[in-house]
C-alpha atoms as a PDB file:
ATOM      1  CA  MET A   1      28.923 -82.154  70.852  1.00  0.00           C
ATOM      2  CA  ARG A   2      28.647 -78.590  68.861  1.00  0.00           C
ATOM      3  CA  ILE A   3      27.136 -78.262  65.467  1.00  0.00           C
ATOM      4  CA  TYR A   4      29.150 -75.091  64.866  1.00  0.00           C
ATOM      5  CA  SER A   5      32.950 -74.399  64.346  1.00  0.00           C
ATOM      6  CA  LEU A   6      34.259 -71.504  66.199  1.00  0.00           C
ATOM      7  CA  LEU A   7      36.925 -70.780  63.565  1.00  0.00           C
ATOM      8  CA  ARG A   8      35.766 -68.071  61.468  1.00  0.00           C
ATOM      9  CA  PRO A   9      36.283 -69.803  57.833  1.00  0.00           C
ATOM     10  CA  ARG A  10      34.562 -72.942  58.576  1.00  0.00           C
ATOM     11  CA  LEU A  11      32.063 -71.290  60.554  1.00  0.00           C
ATOM     12  CA  ILE A  12      30.944 -69.032  57.713  1.00  0.00           C
ATOM     13  CA  ARG A  13      31.131 -72.108  55.336  1.00  0.00           C
ATOM     14  CA  GLN A  14      28.799 -73.674  57.899  1.00  0.00           C
ATOM     15  CA  ILE A  15      26.302 -71.080  58.029  1.00  0.00           C
ATOM     16  CA  ILE A  16      26.398 -70.472  54.297  1.00  0.00           C
ATOM     17  CA  ALA A  17      25.795 -74.185  53.649  1.00  0.00           C
ATOM     18  CA  ASP A  18      22.814 -74.538  56.357  1.00  0.00           C
ATOM     19  CA  VAL A  19      21.408 -71.257  54.807  1.00  0.00           C
ATOM     20  CA  VAL A  20      21.411 -72.684  51.360  1.00  0.00           C
ATOM     21  CA  ALA A  21      19.995 -76.099  52.366  1.00  0.00           C
ATOM     22  CA  LEU A  22      16.964 -74.342  54.342  1.00  0.00           C
ATOM     23  CA  ALA A  23      16.461 -72.000  51.314  1.00  0.00           C
ATOM     24  CA  ALA A  24      16.476 -74.667  48.781  1.00  0.00           C
ATOM     25  CA  THR A  25      14.034 -76.783  50.820  1.00  0.00           C
ATOM     26  CA  ILE A  26      11.839 -73.760  51.279  1.00  0.00           C
ATOM     27  CA  ILE A  27      11.823 -72.560  47.787  1.00  0.00           C
ATOM     28  CA  ALA A  28      11.094 -76.304  46.559  1.00  0.00           C
ATOM     29  CA  PHE A  29       8.177 -76.882  49.004  1.00  0.00           C
ATOM     30  CA  VAL A  30       6.924 -73.382  47.588  1.00  0.00           C
ATOM     31  CA  THR A  31       7.302 -74.006  44.251  1.00  0.00           C
ATOM     32  CA  ALA A  32       5.817 -77.665  44.351  1.00  0.00           C
ATOM     33  CA  GLY A  33       2.713 -76.450  46.117  1.00  0.00           C
ATOM     34  CA  ARG A  34       1.954 -73.476  43.674  1.00  0.00           C
ATOM     35  CA  VAL A  35       2.668 -76.178  40.634  1.00  0.00           C
ATOM     36  CA  ARG A  36       0.365 -78.644  42.338  1.00  0.00           C
ATOM     37  CA  SER A  37      -2.438 -75.819  42.667  1.00  0.00           C
ATOM     38  CA  GLN A  38      -1.996 -74.684  39.110  1.00  0.00           C
ATOM     39  CA  ILE A  39      -2.249 -78.299  37.610  1.00  0.00           C
ATOM     40  CA  LEU A  40      -5.309 -78.852  39.817  1.00  0.00           C
ATOM     41  CA  GLU A  41      -7.277 -76.037  37.958  1.00  0.00           C
ATOM     42  CA  TYR A  42      -7.409 -78.425  35.069  1.00  0.00           C
ATOM     43  CA  ARG A  43      -9.982 -80.509  37.369  1.00  0.00           C
ATOM     44  CA  GLN A  44     -12.393 -78.244  36.018  1.00  0.00           C
ATOM     45  CA  TYR A  45     -12.392 -79.631  32.324  1.00  0.00           C
ATOM     46  CA  GLY A  46     -13.421 -82.969  34.019  1.00  0.00           C
ATOM     47  CA  THR A  47     -16.265 -81.240  35.830  1.00  0.00           C
ATOM     48  CA  ASP A  48     -17.482 -79.519  32.727  1.00  0.00           C
ATOM     49  CA  LEU A  49     -17.596 -83.003  30.905  1.00  0.00           C
ATOM     50  CA  ILE A  50     -19.559 -84.277  33.838  1.00  0.00           C
ATOM     51  CA  ASP A  51     -22.033 -81.592  34.091  1.00  0.00           C
ATOM     52  CA  ALA A  52     -22.371 -81.893  30.232  1.00  0.00           C
ATOM     53  CA  GLY A  53     -23.195 -85.428  30.470  1.00  0.00           C
ATOM     54  CA  ALA A  54     -25.741 -84.565  33.170  1.00  0.00           C
ATOM     55  CA  ASP A  55     -27.339 -82.061  31.095  1.00  0.00           C
ATOM     56  CA  ILE A  56     -27.770 -84.323  28.106  1.00  0.00           C
ATOM     57  CA  THR A  57     -29.276 -86.663  30.517  1.00  0.00           C
ATOM     58  CA  ASP A  58     -31.859 -84.199  31.591  1.00  0.00           C
ATOM     59  CA  VAL A  59     -32.555 -83.430  27.979  1.00  0.00           C
ATOM     60  CA  LEU A  60     -32.900 -86.687  26.582  1.00  0.00           C
ATOM     61  CA  HIS A  61     -35.044 -87.650  29.687  1.00  0.00           C
ATOM     62  CA  GLY A  62     -37.312 -84.866  28.898  1.00  0.00           C
ATOM     63  CA  PHE A  63     -37.701 -85.689  25.101  1.00  0.00           C
ATOM     64  CA  ALA A  64     -38.345 -89.409  26.052  1.00  0.00           C
ATOM     65  CA  ASP A  65     -41.149 -88.213  28.423  1.00  0.00           C
ATOM     66  CA  GLN A  66     -42.628 -86.149  25.467  1.00  0.00           C
ATOM     67  CA  VAL A  67     -42.383 -89.010  23.151  1.00  0.00           C
ATOM     68  CA  ARG A  68     -44.158 -91.245  25.590  1.00  0.00           C
ATOM     69  CA  GLN A  69     -47.018 -89.169  25.116  1.00  0.00           C
ATOM     70  CA  ILE A  70     -47.534 -90.289  21.671  1.00  0.00           C
ATOM     71  CA  PRO A  71     -50.329 -92.835  21.346  1.00  0.00           C
ATOM     72  CA  PHE A  72     -49.808 -96.254  21.139  1.00  0.00           C
ATOM     73  CA  VAL A  73     -46.015 -96.429  20.575  1.00  0.00           C
ATOM     74  CA  GLY A  74     -45.047 -93.568  22.559  1.00  0.00           C
ATOM     75  CA  PRO A  75     -44.109 -95.412  26.056  1.00  0.00           C
ATOM     76  CA  ALA A  76     -42.328 -98.282  24.251  1.00  0.00           C
ATOM     77  CA  LEU A  77     -40.163 -95.710  22.226  1.00  0.00           C
ATOM     78  CA  GLY A  78     -39.478 -93.553  25.015  1.00  0.00           C
ATOM     79  CA  ASP A  79     -38.170 -96.454  26.862  1.00  0.00           C
ATOM     80  CA  THR A  80     -35.747 -97.601  23.865  1.00  0.00           C
ATOM     81  CA  LEU A  81     -34.775 -94.014  23.254  1.00  0.00           C
ATOM     82  CA  GLU A  82     -33.492 -93.539  27.108  1.00  0.00           C
ATOM     83  CA  GLY A  83     -31.488 -96.875  26.899  1.00  0.00           C
ATOM     84  CA  SER A  84     -30.033 -96.801  23.711  1.00  0.00           C
ATOM     85  CA  VAL A  85     -28.299 -93.300  24.217  1.00  0.00           C
ATOM     86  CA  VAL A  86     -24.850 -93.959  26.056  1.00  0.00           C
ATOM     87  CA  ILE A  87     -23.037 -90.367  25.513  1.00  0.00           C
ATOM     88  CA  PRO A  88     -24.155 -88.723  28.689  1.00  0.00           C
ATOM     89  CA  ASP A  89     -22.505 -91.793  30.631  1.00  0.00           C
ATOM     90  CA  GLN A  90     -19.497 -91.972  28.517  1.00  0.00           C
ATOM     91  CA  LEU A  91     -18.989 -87.971  29.153  1.00  0.00           C
ATOM     92  CA  THR A  92     -19.502 -88.537  32.671  1.00  0.00           C
ATOM     93  CA  GLU A  93     -17.015 -91.607  32.928  1.00  0.00           C
ATOM     94  CA  ALA A  94     -14.429 -89.337  30.621  1.00  0.00           C
ATOM     95  CA  GLY A  95     -14.842 -86.436  33.215  1.00  0.00           C
ATOM     96  CA  ALA A  96     -14.146 -88.741  36.399  1.00  0.00           C
ATOM     97  CA  GLN A  97     -11.106 -90.171  34.584  1.00  0.00           C
ATOM     98  CA  LEU A  98     -10.079 -86.582  33.664  1.00  0.00           C
ATOM     99  CA  GLN A  99     -10.153 -85.493  37.163  1.00  0.00           C
ATOM    100  CA  GLN A 100      -8.269 -88.401  38.444  1.00  0.00           C
ATOM    101  CA  ALA A 101      -5.550 -88.176  35.910  1.00  0.00           C
ATOM    102  CA  VAL A 102      -5.154 -84.557  36.752  1.00  0.00           C
ATOM    103  CA  THR A 103      -4.857 -85.309  40.600  1.00  0.00           C
ATOM    104  CA  ASP A 104      -2.350 -88.006  39.735  1.00  0.00           C
ATOM    105  CA  PHE A 105      -0.204 -85.922  37.934  1.00  0.00           C
ATOM    106  CA  ALA A 106      -0.657 -83.049  40.527  1.00  0.00           C
ATOM    107  CA  GLY A 107       0.607 -85.439  43.062  1.00  0.00           C
ATOM    108  CA  LEU A 108       3.562 -86.515  40.786  1.00  0.00           C
ATOM    109  CA  ALA A 109       4.487 -82.964  39.897  1.00  0.00           C
ATOM    110  CA  TRP A 110       4.682 -82.320  43.801  1.00  0.00           C
ATOM    111  CA  THR A 111       6.832 -85.291  44.483  1.00  0.00           C
ATOM    112  CA  LEU A 112       9.157 -84.336  41.635  1.00  0.00           C
ATOM    113  CA  ILE A 113       9.518 -80.782  42.559  1.00  0.00           C
ATOM    114  CA  ALA A 114       9.713 -81.039  46.342  1.00  0.00           C
ATOM    115  CA  ILE A 115      10.915 -84.351  47.438  1.00  0.00           C
ATOM    116  CA  LEU A 116      13.554 -84.954  44.914  1.00  0.00           C
ATOM    117  CA  PRO A 117      15.421 -81.978  45.530  1.00  0.00           C
ATOM    118  CA  LEU A 118      14.830 -82.280  49.313  1.00  0.00           C
ATOM    119  CA  VAL A 119      16.595 -85.615  48.854  1.00  0.00           C
ATOM    120  CA  CYS A 120      19.478 -84.246  46.952  1.00  0.00           C
ATOM    121  CA  VAL A 121      19.941 -81.626  49.752  1.00  0.00           C
ATOM    122  CA  LEU A 122      19.754 -84.470  52.630  1.00  0.00           C
ATOM    123  CA  ILE A 123      22.431 -86.456  50.589  1.00  0.00           C
ATOM    124  CA  ALA A 124      24.789 -83.605  50.075  1.00  0.00           C
ATOM    125  CA  TRP A 125      24.336 -81.576  53.076  1.00  0.00           C
ATOM    126  CA  LEU A 126      23.260 -83.941  56.023  1.00  0.00           C
ATOM    127  CA  PRO A 127      26.125 -86.383  56.150  1.00  0.00           C
ATOM    128  CA  TRP A 128      28.535 -83.317  56.255  1.00  0.00           C
ATOM    129  CA  ARG A 129      26.897 -81.606  59.370  1.00  0.00           C
ATOM    130  CA  VAL A 130      26.525 -85.092  61.062  1.00  0.00           C
ATOM    131  CA  SER A 131      30.127 -86.036  60.321  1.00  0.00           C
ATOM    132  CA  PHE A 132      30.991 -82.633  61.829  1.00  0.00           C
ATOM    133  CA  ALA A 133      28.488 -82.993  65.338  1.00  0.00           C
ATOM    134  CA  ALA A 134      30.445 -86.588  65.476  1.00  0.00           C
ATOM    135  CA  LYS A 135      34.197 -85.277  65.316  1.00  0.00           C
ATOM    136  CA  SER A 136      33.089 -82.597  67.481  1.00  0.00           C
ATOM    137  CA  LEU A 137      31.872 -85.031  70.247  1.00  0.00           C
ATOM    138  CA  GLU A 138      35.064 -87.232  69.340  1.00  0.00           C
ATOM    139  CA  THR A 139      37.222 -83.963  69.969  1.00  0.00           C
ATOM    140  CA  ALA A 140      35.539 -83.458  73.312  1.00  0.00           C
ATOM    141  CA  LYS A 141      36.122 -86.973  74.590  1.00  0.00           C
ATOM    142  CA  LEU A 142      39.791 -86.717  73.594  1.00  0.00           C
ATOM    143  CA  ALA A 143      40.411 -83.642  75.048  1.00  0.00           C
ATOM    144  CA  ARG A 144      39.131 -85.003  78.792  1.00  0.00           C
ATOM    145  CA  SER A 145      41.299 -88.287  78.159  1.00  0.00           C
ATOM    146  CA  GLU A 146      44.760 -88.782  79.271  1.00  0.00           C
ATOM    147  CA  GLY A 147      47.284 -87.422  76.621  1.00  0.00           C
ATOM    148  CA  GLY A 148      44.447 -86.070  74.596  1.00  0.00           C
ATOM    149  CA  LEU A 149      45.711 -82.643  74.556  1.00  0.00           C
ATOM    150  CA  ASP A 150      48.839 -83.788  73.207  1.00  0.00           C
ATOM    151  CA  LEU A 151      47.207 -85.362  70.441  1.00  0.00           C
ATOM    152  CA  LEU A 152      45.013 -82.538  69.609  1.00  0.00           C
ATOM    153  CA  ALA A 153      47.900 -80.322  69.415  1.00  0.00           C
ATOM    154  CA  GLU A 154      49.814 -82.569  66.964  1.00  0.00           C
ATOM    155  CA  ARG A 155      46.594 -82.285  65.096  1.00  0.00           C
ATOM    156  CA  ALA A 156      46.571 -78.862  64.899  1.00  0.00           C
ATOM    157  CA  LEU A 157      50.440 -78.927  63.562  1.00  0.00           C
ATOM    158  CA  ALA A 158      49.136 -81.233  60.884  1.00  0.00           C
ATOM    159  CA  LEU A 159      45.760 -79.691  59.929  1.00  0.00           C
ATOM    160  CA  ALA A 160      45.581 -76.044  61.339  1.00  0.00           C
ATOM    161  CA  PRO A 161      46.599 -73.140  59.165  1.00  0.00           C
ATOM    162  CA  ALA A 162      50.524 -72.328  59.383  1.00  0.00           C
ATOM    163  CA  ASP A 163      50.144 -68.794  60.380  1.00  0.00           C
ATOM    164  CA  ALA A 164      47.609 -69.570  63.324  1.00  0.00           C
ATOM    165  CA  VAL A 165      50.343 -72.134  64.407  1.00  0.00           C
ATOM    166  CA  LEU A 166      53.299 -70.001  64.183  1.00  0.00           C
ATOM    167  CA  ARG A 167      51.714 -66.822  66.113  1.00  0.00           C
ATOM    168  CA  ILE A 168      51.803 -69.457  69.005  1.00  0.00           C
ATOM    169  CA  HIS A 169      55.349 -70.221  68.898  1.00  0.00           C
ATOM    170  CA  PRO A 170      58.171 -69.904  66.547  1.00  0.00           C
ATOM    171  CA  ARG A 171      58.812 -73.480  66.774  1.00  0.00           C
ATOM    172  CA  PRO A 172      55.760 -75.510  67.875  1.00  0.00           C
ATOM    173  CA  ALA A 173      56.576 -78.556  67.067  1.00  0.00           C
ATOM    174  CA  ARG A 174      59.509 -78.523  69.825  1.00  0.00           C
ATOM    175  CA  ALA A 175      57.949 -76.309  72.148  1.00  0.00           C
ATOM    176  CA  LEU A 176      54.402 -78.493  72.570  1.00  0.00           C
ATOM    177  CA  HIS A 177      56.724 -81.194  74.439  1.00  0.00           C
ATOM    178  CA  HIS A 178      58.227 -78.996  76.661  1.00  0.00           C
ATOM    179  CA  ASP A 179      55.818 -76.264  77.279  1.00  0.00           C
ATOM    180  CA  ASP A 180      52.200 -76.963  78.218  1.00  0.00           C
ATOM    181  CA  ALA A 181      51.367 -73.583  77.392  1.00  0.00           C
ATOM    182  CA  VAL A 182      52.024 -73.858  73.950  1.00  0.00           C
ATOM    183  CA  ARG A 183      50.279 -77.504  73.880  1.00  0.00           C
ATOM    184  CA  ASP A 184      47.237 -76.109  75.123  1.00  0.00           C
ATOM    185  CA  ALA A 185      47.196 -73.321  72.838  1.00  0.00           C
ATOM    186  CA  LEU A 186      47.720 -76.067  70.095  1.00  0.00           C
ATOM    187  CA  ALA A 187      45.094 -78.028  71.167  1.00  0.00           C
ATOM    188  CA  ALA A 188      42.690 -75.097  71.587  1.00  0.00           C
ATOM    189  CA  ILE A 189      42.924 -74.422  67.910  1.00  0.00           C
ATOM    190  CA  GLN A 190      41.778 -78.000  66.938  1.00  0.00           C
ATOM    191  CA  LEU A 191      39.088 -77.633  69.528  1.00  0.00           C
ATOM    192  CA  ARG A 192      37.763 -74.484  68.465  1.00  0.00           C
ATOM    193  CA  SER A 193      37.584 -75.982  65.056  1.00  0.00           C
ATOM    194  CA  PHE A 194      34.887 -78.178  66.173  1.00  0.00           C
ATOM    195  CA  GLY A 195      32.908 -75.933  68.166  1.00  0.00           C
ATOM    196  CA  HIS A 196      34.823 -75.861  71.686  1.00  0.00           C
ATOM    197  CA  ARG A 197      36.158 -72.858  73.414  1.00  0.00           C
ATOM    198  CA  GLY A 198      39.167 -74.657  74.879  1.00  0.00           C
ATOM    199  CA  ALA A 199      40.154 -77.578  77.087  1.00  0.00           C
ATOM    200  CA  ARG A 200      38.693 -75.951  80.112  1.00  0.00           C
ATOM    201  CA  HIS A 201      35.341 -75.419  78.449  1.00  0.00           C
ATOM    202  CA  VAL A 202      34.693 -78.795  76.898  1.00  0.00           C
ATOM    203  CA  GLU A 203      31.352 -80.434  77.620  1.00  0.00           C
END
């Protein structure tokens, strides 16, 4: 089984397709990584909210401690003051939620930018390459079978470029049934198309 043709036009198309598929995959993953990193930078806003909540909490605790020093009513007033203020907790919760939202969005962006293009590349490229490999294996088996070279020569007559066929013999359709050299040469065209150098080099 071969993965590349030995015929120049098909070989060039295969190489170009492989390079494009590889380049598209690399570009998609690199771009996805950069976008994800840039989005994750916005987690800092959540951190700022959490820090702000902590700072306000510290201030309120300090203020409550001072209030407790007031005779008679101070302790009760300080406890009430600490228990009634919820803004710091809300800021802390909002900051945590913002960080999680940014993380989730960064993951979604990475998936859309990296995975979806990769799936599209695989859908467009992989079946074509697998099909070639399967046909290469089928062609090799056919070349080793009885009468296989005759069939390959006939396929070359139908599928190969006319100039390549006519270079072998001016009347190839008639000659292949009477001249083994013509038959082998025509079969070799089909074999090279699927990556084999000839009937004697089929693996």
